[in-house]
């Protein structure tokens, strides 16, 4: 607490006596003291101090909880990053292996077999031949 005007001028230490509400030096010398602190004011200051102290403790607890939550989140991020790298590595190896298989398959010549189709069974369906189709009027096809 700041000293009273007289204490500051004379370089005295001001310690308030709650019984008088004035600093001890002014009280002992019966001087005027502009540092008036009543018991009521003192109790209000103590109450405010206690309240602020409790709020500071609660804030510190909040910080500790936040640090704990941060540690959990960082551990989760680290674990997921490792898992992601592992999965990406597995996928890359699988793609490399698949590419290797394709390259080997390209080196092997596989004969292409085109089966001949017997279209004689379609004659019984009454499908018009090429000559008959050429004579047909196809103008309706172009109509949009």
N, C-alpha and C. Protein backbone atom coordinates (compact mmCIF):
# COMPACT_ATOMS: atom_id res chain seq x y z
N UNK A 1 0.84 -1.17 0.00
CA UNK A 1 0.00 0.00 0.00
C UNK A 1 0.89 1.24 0.00
N UNK A 2 0.49 2.25 -0.70
CA UNK A 2 1.25 3.50 -0.78
C UNK A 2 1.21 4.21 0.57
N UNK A 3 2.30 4.90 0.94
CA UNK A 3 2.31 5.61 2.22
C UNK A 3 1.42 6.86 2.15
N UNK A 4 1.09 7.36 3.33
CA UNK A 4 0.32 8.61 3.38
C UNK A 4 1.23 9.76 2.96
N UNK A 5 0.67 10.93 2.77
CA UNK A 5 1.46 12.09 2.31
C UNK A 5 2.56 12.44 3.30
N UNK A 6 2.26 12.44 4.59
CA UNK A 6 3.25 12.77 5.63
C UNK A 6 4.35 11.73 5.65
N UNK A 7 3.97 10.43 5.59
CA UNK A 7 4.97 9.36 5.60
C UNK A 7 5.87 9.41 4.38
N UNK A 8 5.31 9.74 3.25
CA UNK A 8 6.10 9.83 2.03
C UNK A 8 7.07 11.01 2.11
N UNK A 9 6.60 12.13 2.66
CA UNK A 9 7.43 13.33 2.78
C UNK A 9 8.58 13.12 3.76
N UNK A 10 8.31 12.40 4.87
CA UNK A 10 9.33 12.19 5.90
C UNK A 10 10.09 10.88 5.73
N UNK A 11 9.71 10.08 4.74
CA UNK A 11 10.37 8.79 4.51
C UNK A 11 10.02 7.75 5.56
N UNK A 12 8.82 7.83 6.11
CA UNK A 12 8.37 6.88 7.13
C UNK A 12 7.61 5.74 6.49
N UNK A 13 7.63 4.60 7.16
CA UNK A 13 6.83 3.48 6.65
C UNK A 13 5.42 3.59 7.23
N UNK A 14 4.46 3.39 6.39
CA UNK A 14 3.07 3.50 6.83
C UNK A 14 2.50 2.11 7.03
N UNK A 15 2.16 1.83 8.29
CA UNK A 15 1.48 0.58 8.61
C UNK A 15 0.19 0.96 9.31
N UNK A 16 -0.90 0.59 8.71
CA UNK A 16 -2.21 1.02 9.20
C UNK A 16 -2.59 0.26 10.45
N UNK A 17 -3.11 1.01 11.42
CA UNK A 17 -3.69 0.40 12.62
C UNK A 17 -5.19 0.34 12.38
N UNK A 18 -5.71 -0.86 12.38
CA UNK A 18 -7.14 -1.02 12.08
C UNK A 18 -8.02 -0.38 13.15
N UNK A 19 -7.49 -0.24 14.35
CA UNK A 19 -8.31 0.36 15.41
C UNK A 19 -8.59 1.84 15.14
N UNK A 20 -7.63 2.53 14.51
CA UNK A 20 -7.81 3.96 14.24
C UNK A 20 -8.05 4.25 12.77
N UNK A 21 -7.59 3.36 11.89
CA UNK A 21 -7.72 3.57 10.45
C UNK A 21 -6.63 4.47 9.91
N UNK A 22 -5.64 4.86 10.76
CA UNK A 22 -4.53 5.71 10.33
C UNK A 22 -3.24 4.91 10.46
N UNK A 23 -2.19 5.41 9.79
CA UNK A 23 -0.92 4.71 9.90
C UNK A 23 -0.35 4.91 11.31
N UNK A 24 0.49 3.99 11.72
CA UNK A 24 1.03 4.01 13.08
C UNK A 24 1.84 5.25 13.38
N UNK A 25 2.67 5.71 12.44
CA UNK A 25 3.51 6.89 12.66
C UNK A 25 2.66 8.14 12.89
N UNK A 26 1.64 8.32 12.06
CA UNK A 26 0.76 9.49 12.23
C UNK A 26 -0.03 9.38 13.54
N UNK A 27 -0.43 8.19 13.88
CA UNK A 27 -1.21 7.97 15.10
C UNK A 27 -0.35 8.26 16.33
N UNK A 28 0.91 7.75 16.33
CA UNK A 28 1.80 7.95 17.49
C UNK A 28 2.16 9.42 17.68
N UNK A 29 2.37 10.14 16.59
CA UNK A 29 2.76 11.55 16.69
C UNK A 29 1.56 12.48 16.67
N UNK A 30 0.39 11.88 16.62
CA UNK A 30 -0.87 12.62 16.58
C UNK A 30 -0.90 13.59 15.39
N UNK A 31 -0.30 13.12 14.26
CA UNK A 31 -0.30 13.93 13.05
C UNK A 31 -1.51 13.61 12.19
N UNK A 32 -1.69 14.45 11.21
CA UNK A 32 -2.81 14.19 10.29
C UNK A 32 -2.38 13.12 9.30
N UNK A 33 -3.30 12.23 9.01
CA UNK A 33 -3.00 11.11 8.09
C UNK A 33 -4.09 11.07 7.03
N UNK A 34 -3.64 11.15 5.78
CA UNK A 34 -4.62 11.08 4.70
C UNK A 34 -4.82 9.65 4.20
N UNK A 35 -4.19 8.73 4.92
CA UNK A 35 -4.37 7.32 4.60
C UNK A 35 -5.38 6.76 5.59
N UNK A 36 -6.60 6.85 5.23
CA UNK A 36 -7.65 6.40 6.15
C UNK A 36 -8.15 5.05 5.67
N UNK A 37 -7.97 4.07 6.51
CA UNK A 37 -8.42 2.72 6.19
C UNK A 37 -9.25 2.21 7.35
N UNK A 38 -10.51 2.15 7.14
CA UNK A 38 -11.40 1.67 8.20
C UNK A 38 -11.44 0.15 8.16
N UNK A 39 -11.95 -0.40 9.26
CA UNK A 39 -12.07 -1.85 9.34
C UNK A 39 -12.95 -2.36 8.19
N UNK A 40 -13.99 -1.61 7.87
CA UNK A 40 -14.90 -2.01 6.78
C UNK A 40 -14.15 -2.06 5.45
N UNK A 41 -13.32 -1.03 5.19
CA UNK A 41 -12.54 -1.03 3.95
C UNK A 41 -11.54 -2.18 3.94
N UNK A 42 -10.93 -2.43 5.12
CA UNK A 42 -9.95 -3.52 5.22
C UNK A 42 -10.62 -4.87 4.93
N UNK A 43 -11.78 -5.09 5.50
CA UNK A 43 -12.51 -6.34 5.27
C UNK A 43 -12.89 -6.48 3.80
N UNK A 44 -13.29 -5.38 3.17
CA UNK A 44 -13.63 -5.42 1.74
C UNK A 44 -12.40 -5.77 0.91
N UNK A 45 -11.25 -5.21 1.29
CA UNK A 45 -10.01 -5.52 0.56
C UNK A 45 -9.63 -6.99 0.74
N UNK A 46 -9.78 -7.50 1.97
CA UNK A 46 -9.47 -8.92 2.22
C UNK A 46 -10.40 -9.82 1.41
N UNK A 47 -11.68 -9.44 1.37
CA UNK A 47 -12.66 -10.23 0.62
C UNK A 47 -12.32 -10.24 -0.87
N UNK A 48 -11.96 -9.06 -1.41
CA UNK A 48 -11.59 -8.98 -2.83
C UNK A 48 -10.32 -9.80 -3.10
N UNK A 49 -9.37 -9.72 -2.17
CA UNK A 49 -8.13 -10.49 -2.32
C UNK A 49 -8.43 -11.99 -2.35
N UNK A 50 -9.26 -12.44 -1.43
CA UNK A 50 -9.62 -13.86 -1.35
C UNK A 50 -10.32 -14.31 -2.65
N UNK A 51 -11.24 -13.47 -3.15
CA UNK A 51 -11.97 -13.78 -4.38
C UNK A 51 -11.01 -13.88 -5.57
N UNK A 52 -10.12 -12.90 -5.68
CA UNK A 52 -9.15 -12.91 -6.79
C UNK A 52 -8.21 -14.11 -6.69
N UNK A 53 -7.83 -14.45 -5.46
CA UNK A 53 -6.95 -15.61 -5.26
C UNK A 53 -7.66 -16.89 -5.70
N UNK A 54 -8.92 -17.04 -5.35
CA UNK A 54 -9.69 -18.22 -5.75
C UNK A 54 -9.84 -18.28 -7.27
N UNK A 55 -10.09 -17.13 -7.89
CA UNK A 55 -10.21 -17.08 -9.35
C UNK A 55 -8.89 -17.45 -10.02
N UNK A 56 -7.79 -16.99 -9.43
CA UNK A 56 -6.47 -17.32 -9.98
C UNK A 56 -6.21 -18.82 -9.88
N UNK A 57 -6.59 -19.43 -8.75
CA UNK A 57 -6.43 -20.88 -8.59
C UNK A 57 -7.30 -21.63 -9.61
N UNK A 58 -8.53 -21.18 -9.79
CA UNK A 58 -9.42 -21.82 -10.76
C UNK A 58 -8.85 -21.69 -12.17
N UNK A 59 -8.30 -20.53 -12.48
CA UNK A 59 -7.69 -20.34 -13.81
C UNK A 59 -6.50 -21.27 -13.98
N UNK A 60 -5.70 -21.42 -12.94
CA UNK A 60 -4.54 -22.31 -13.01
C UNK A 60 -4.99 -23.76 -13.23
N UNK A 61 -6.05 -24.16 -12.54
CA UNK A 61 -6.60 -25.51 -12.74
C UNK A 61 -7.09 -25.67 -14.18
N UNK A 62 -7.71 -24.62 -14.71
CA UNK A 62 -8.16 -24.65 -16.11
C UNK A 62 -6.99 -24.81 -17.06
N UNK A 63 -5.90 -24.11 -16.76
CA UNK A 63 -4.69 -24.23 -17.59
C UNK A 63 -4.15 -25.66 -17.53
N UNK A 64 -4.14 -26.24 -16.33
CA UNK A 64 -3.65 -27.62 -16.19
C UNK A 64 -4.54 -28.59 -16.97
N UNK A 65 -5.86 -28.39 -16.91
CA UNK A 65 -6.77 -29.26 -17.68
C UNK A 65 -6.52 -29.09 -19.18
N UNK A 66 -6.31 -27.84 -19.59
CA UNK A 66 -6.05 -27.58 -21.02
C UNK A 66 -4.74 -28.23 -21.45
N UNK A 67 -3.72 -28.18 -20.60
CA UNK A 67 -2.45 -28.83 -20.92
C UNK A 67 -2.63 -30.34 -21.05
N UNK A 68 -3.42 -30.91 -20.13
CA UNK A 68 -3.67 -32.35 -20.19
C UNK A 68 -4.42 -32.72 -21.48
N UNK A 69 -5.43 -31.91 -21.83
CA UNK A 69 -6.18 -32.17 -23.07
C UNK A 69 -5.28 -32.00 -24.29
N UNK A 70 -4.39 -31.01 -24.24
CA UNK A 70 -3.45 -30.81 -25.34
C UNK A 70 -2.52 -32.01 -25.48
N UNK A 71 -2.05 -32.53 -24.35
CA UNK A 71 -1.16 -33.70 -24.39
C UNK A 71 -1.88 -34.89 -25.01
N UNK A 72 -3.14 -35.08 -24.66
CA UNK A 72 -3.93 -36.18 -25.24
C UNK A 72 -4.09 -35.97 -26.74
N UNK A 73 -4.41 -34.75 -27.15
CA UNK A 73 -4.61 -34.45 -28.57
C UNK A 73 -3.30 -34.62 -29.35
N UNK A 74 -2.19 -34.20 -28.77
CA UNK A 74 -0.90 -34.36 -29.45
C UNK A 74 -0.53 -35.83 -29.60
N UNK A 75 -0.81 -36.62 -28.56
CA UNK A 75 -0.53 -38.05 -28.63
C UNK A 75 -1.40 -38.71 -29.71
N UNK A 76 -2.67 -38.30 -29.78
CA UNK A 76 -3.57 -38.85 -30.80
C UNK A 76 -3.08 -38.47 -32.20
N UNK A 77 -2.69 -37.19 -32.36
CA UNK A 77 -2.18 -36.75 -33.67
C UNK A 77 -0.94 -37.54 -34.06
N UNK A 78 -0.06 -37.77 -33.12
CA UNK A 78 1.16 -38.52 -33.40
C UNK A 78 0.83 -39.96 -33.81
N UNK A 79 -0.08 -40.58 -33.05
CA UNK A 79 -0.48 -41.96 -33.35
C UNK A 79 -1.12 -42.05 -34.74
N UNK A 80 -2.03 -41.11 -35.04
CA UNK A 80 -2.70 -41.13 -36.34
C UNK A 80 -1.72 -40.85 -37.48
N UNK A 81 -0.75 -39.98 -37.25
CA UNK A 81 0.25 -39.70 -38.28
C UNK A 81 1.06 -40.95 -38.59
N UNK A 82 1.43 -41.68 -37.54
CA UNK A 82 2.19 -42.92 -37.74
C UNK A 82 1.35 -43.94 -38.50
N UNK A 83 0.07 -44.06 -38.12
CA UNK A 83 -0.81 -45.00 -38.81
C UNK A 83 -0.98 -44.60 -40.27
N UNK A 84 -1.13 -43.31 -40.52
CA UNK A 84 -1.29 -42.82 -41.88
C UNK A 84 -0.05 -43.13 -42.72
N UNK A 85 1.12 -42.90 -42.16
CA UNK A 85 2.36 -43.21 -42.89
C UNK A 85 2.45 -44.70 -43.18
N UNK A 86 2.05 -45.53 -42.21
CA UNK A 86 2.09 -46.97 -42.40
C UNK A 86 1.15 -47.40 -43.54
N UNK A 87 -0.08 -46.85 -43.54
CA UNK A 87 -1.05 -47.19 -44.58
C UNK A 87 -0.58 -46.70 -45.94
N UNK A 88 -0.03 -45.49 -45.99
CA UNK A 88 0.48 -44.96 -47.26
C UNK A 88 1.64 -45.80 -47.77
N UNK A 89 2.49 -46.27 -46.87
CA UNK A 89 3.61 -47.12 -47.27
C UNK A 89 3.10 -48.46 -47.81
N UNK A 90 2.11 -49.03 -47.12
CA UNK A 90 1.52 -50.29 -47.60
C UNK A 90 0.90 -50.12 -48.97
N UNK A 91 0.17 -49.01 -49.17
CA UNK A 91 -0.47 -48.76 -50.46
C UNK A 91 0.58 -48.58 -51.56
N UNK A 92 1.66 -47.87 -51.25
CA UNK A 92 2.72 -47.67 -52.24
C UNK A 92 3.36 -49.00 -52.61
N UNK A 93 3.61 -49.86 -51.60
CA UNK A 93 4.20 -51.17 -51.89
C UNK A 93 3.25 -52.03 -52.72
N UNK A 94 1.94 -51.95 -52.43
CA UNK A 94 0.96 -52.72 -53.19
C UNK A 94 0.92 -52.24 -54.64
N UNK A 95 0.97 -50.92 -54.84
CA UNK A 95 0.97 -50.39 -56.21
C UNK A 95 2.24 -50.79 -56.95
N UNK A 96 3.38 -50.76 -56.26
CA UNK A 96 4.63 -51.18 -56.89
C UNK A 96 4.55 -52.64 -57.32
N UNK A 97 4.00 -53.48 -56.45
CA UNK A 97 3.88 -54.91 -56.76
C UNK A 97 2.92 -55.11 -57.94
N UNK A 98 1.81 -54.37 -57.94
CA UNK A 98 0.85 -54.50 -59.04
C UNK A 98 1.48 -54.05 -60.35
N UNK A 99 2.25 -52.98 -60.32
CA UNK A 99 2.93 -52.50 -61.52
C UNK A 99 3.93 -53.54 -62.01
N UNK A 100 4.61 -54.18 -61.08
CA UNK A 100 5.57 -55.23 -61.44
C UNK A 100 4.85 -56.39 -62.12
N UNK A 101 3.68 -56.74 -61.60
CA UNK A 101 2.90 -57.84 -62.20
C UNK A 101 2.47 -57.46 -63.61
N UNK A 102 2.01 -56.21 -63.80
CA UNK A 102 1.61 -55.76 -65.14
C UNK A 102 2.79 -55.77 -66.10
N UNK A 103 3.95 -55.33 -65.63
CA UNK A 103 5.13 -55.32 -66.49
C UNK A 103 5.51 -56.74 -66.92
N UNK A 104 5.41 -57.70 -66.00
CA UNK A 104 5.72 -59.09 -66.34
C UNK A 104 4.69 -59.62 -67.32
N UNK A 105 3.42 -59.23 -67.14
CA UNK A 105 2.36 -59.71 -68.03
C UNK A 105 2.55 -59.15 -69.43
N UNK A 106 3.06 -57.93 -69.55
CA UNK A 106 3.30 -57.35 -70.86
C UNK A 106 4.42 -58.07 -71.59
N UNK A 107 5.35 -58.63 -70.85
CA UNK A 107 6.46 -59.35 -71.47
C UNK A 107 6.01 -60.70 -72.02
N UNK A 108 5.00 -61.27 -71.43
CA UNK A 108 4.49 -62.56 -71.89
C UNK A 108 3.48 -62.31 -72.99
N UNK A 109 3.68 -62.96 -74.14
CA UNK A 109 2.74 -62.79 -75.23
C UNK A 109 1.62 -63.81 -75.07
N UNK A 110 0.44 -63.30 -75.00
CA UNK A 110 -0.72 -64.16 -74.88
C UNK A 110 -1.40 -64.19 -76.24
N UNK A 111 -1.54 -65.38 -76.81
CA UNK A 111 -2.18 -65.45 -78.12
C UNK A 111 -3.65 -65.05 -78.01
N UNK A 112 -4.07 -64.26 -78.98
CA UNK A 112 -5.45 -63.81 -79.01
C UNK A 112 -6.24 -64.79 -79.86
N UNK A 113 -7.26 -65.35 -79.26
CA UNK A 113 -8.09 -66.32 -79.96
C UNK A 113 -9.44 -65.67 -80.21
N UNK A 114 -9.80 -65.54 -81.48
CA UNK A 114 -11.10 -64.99 -81.84
C UNK A 114 -11.92 -66.15 -82.38
N UNK A 115 -12.95 -66.52 -81.67
CA UNK A 115 -13.75 -67.66 -82.13
C UNK A 115 -14.57 -67.27 -83.35
N UNK A 116 -14.75 -68.22 -84.22
CA UNK A 116 -15.60 -67.98 -85.39
C UNK A 116 -17.03 -68.24 -84.99
N UNK A 117 -17.87 -67.34 -85.42
CA UNK A 117 -19.28 -67.47 -85.08
C UNK A 117 -20.03 -68.08 -86.25
N UNK A 118 -20.90 -69.00 -85.92
CA UNK A 118 -21.76 -69.61 -86.92
C UNK A 118 -23.06 -68.81 -86.94
N UNK A 119 -23.24 -68.01 -87.99
CA UNK A 119 -24.41 -67.14 -88.09
C UNK A 119 -25.58 -67.79 -88.83
N UNK A 120 -25.43 -69.04 -89.21
CA UNK A 120 -26.50 -69.71 -89.96
C UNK A 120 -27.76 -69.87 -89.12
N UNK A 121 -27.61 -69.92 -87.81
CA UNK A 121 -28.79 -70.08 -86.96
C UNK A 121 -29.64 -68.81 -86.94
N UNK A 122 -29.10 -67.67 -87.36
CA UNK A 122 -29.85 -66.42 -87.39
C UNK A 122 -30.79 -66.33 -88.59
N UNK A 123 -30.58 -67.20 -89.60
CA UNK A 123 -31.42 -67.17 -90.79
C UNK A 123 -32.88 -67.46 -90.46
N UNK A 124 -33.10 -68.30 -89.46
CA UNK A 124 -34.48 -68.66 -89.11
C UNK A 124 -35.22 -67.51 -88.43
N UNK A 125 -34.53 -66.46 -88.01
CA UNK A 125 -35.17 -65.33 -87.34
C UNK A 125 -35.80 -64.36 -88.32
N UNK A 126 -35.54 -64.49 -89.55
CA UNK A 126 -36.13 -63.61 -90.56
C UNK A 126 -35.46 -62.26 -90.61
N UNK A 127 -34.21 -62.19 -90.31
CA UNK A 127 -33.47 -60.93 -90.37
C UNK A 127 -33.15 -60.66 -91.83
N UNK A 128 -33.47 -59.45 -92.34
CA UNK A 128 -33.21 -59.17 -93.75
C UNK A 128 -31.70 -59.14 -94.02
N UNK A 129 -31.32 -59.56 -95.18
CA UNK A 129 -29.92 -59.57 -95.58
C UNK A 129 -29.48 -58.19 -96.03
N UNK A 130 -28.22 -58.10 -96.46
CA UNK A 130 -27.66 -56.81 -96.86
C UNK A 130 -28.39 -56.23 -98.07
N UNK A 131 -28.70 -57.08 -99.02
CA UNK A 131 -29.34 -56.61 -100.24
C UNK A 131 -30.73 -56.05 -99.93
N UNK A 132 -31.45 -56.71 -99.07
CA UNK A 132 -32.79 -56.24 -98.72
C UNK A 132 -32.74 -54.95 -97.90
N UNK A 133 -31.74 -54.82 -97.05
CA UNK A 133 -31.62 -53.64 -96.20
C UNK A 133 -31.26 -52.41 -97.02
N UNK A 134 -30.48 -52.58 -98.07
CA UNK A 134 -30.08 -51.44 -98.90
C UNK A 134 -31.30 -50.87 -99.61
N UNK A 135 -32.27 -51.72 -99.93
CA UNK A 135 -33.44 -51.26 -100.66
C UNK A 135 -34.47 -50.60 -99.75
N UNK A 136 -34.30 -50.65 -98.47
CA UNK A 136 -35.28 -50.08 -97.53
C UNK A 136 -35.14 -48.56 -97.47
N UNK A 137 -36.24 -47.91 -97.10
CA UNK A 137 -36.24 -46.45 -96.94
C UNK A 137 -35.78 -46.12 -95.52
N UNK A 138 -34.60 -45.55 -95.41
CA UNK A 138 -33.99 -45.24 -94.11
C UNK A 138 -34.16 -43.77 -93.72
N UNK A 139 -34.97 -43.02 -94.38
CA UNK A 139 -35.11 -41.59 -94.12
C UNK A 139 -35.71 -41.30 -92.73
N UNK A 140 -36.47 -42.21 -92.20
CA UNK A 140 -37.08 -42.00 -90.89
C UNK A 140 -36.04 -41.97 -89.77
N UNK A 141 -34.87 -42.54 -90.00
CA UNK A 141 -33.82 -42.59 -88.97
C UNK A 141 -33.26 -41.20 -88.71
N UNK A 142 -33.16 -40.38 -89.71
CA UNK A 142 -32.56 -39.06 -89.56
C UNK A 142 -33.50 -38.05 -88.93
N UNK A 143 -34.75 -38.43 -88.73
CA UNK A 143 -35.71 -37.48 -88.16
C UNK A 143 -35.46 -37.37 -86.66
N UNK A 144 -35.27 -36.19 -86.20
CA UNK A 144 -34.91 -35.97 -84.82
C UNK A 144 -36.06 -35.77 -83.97
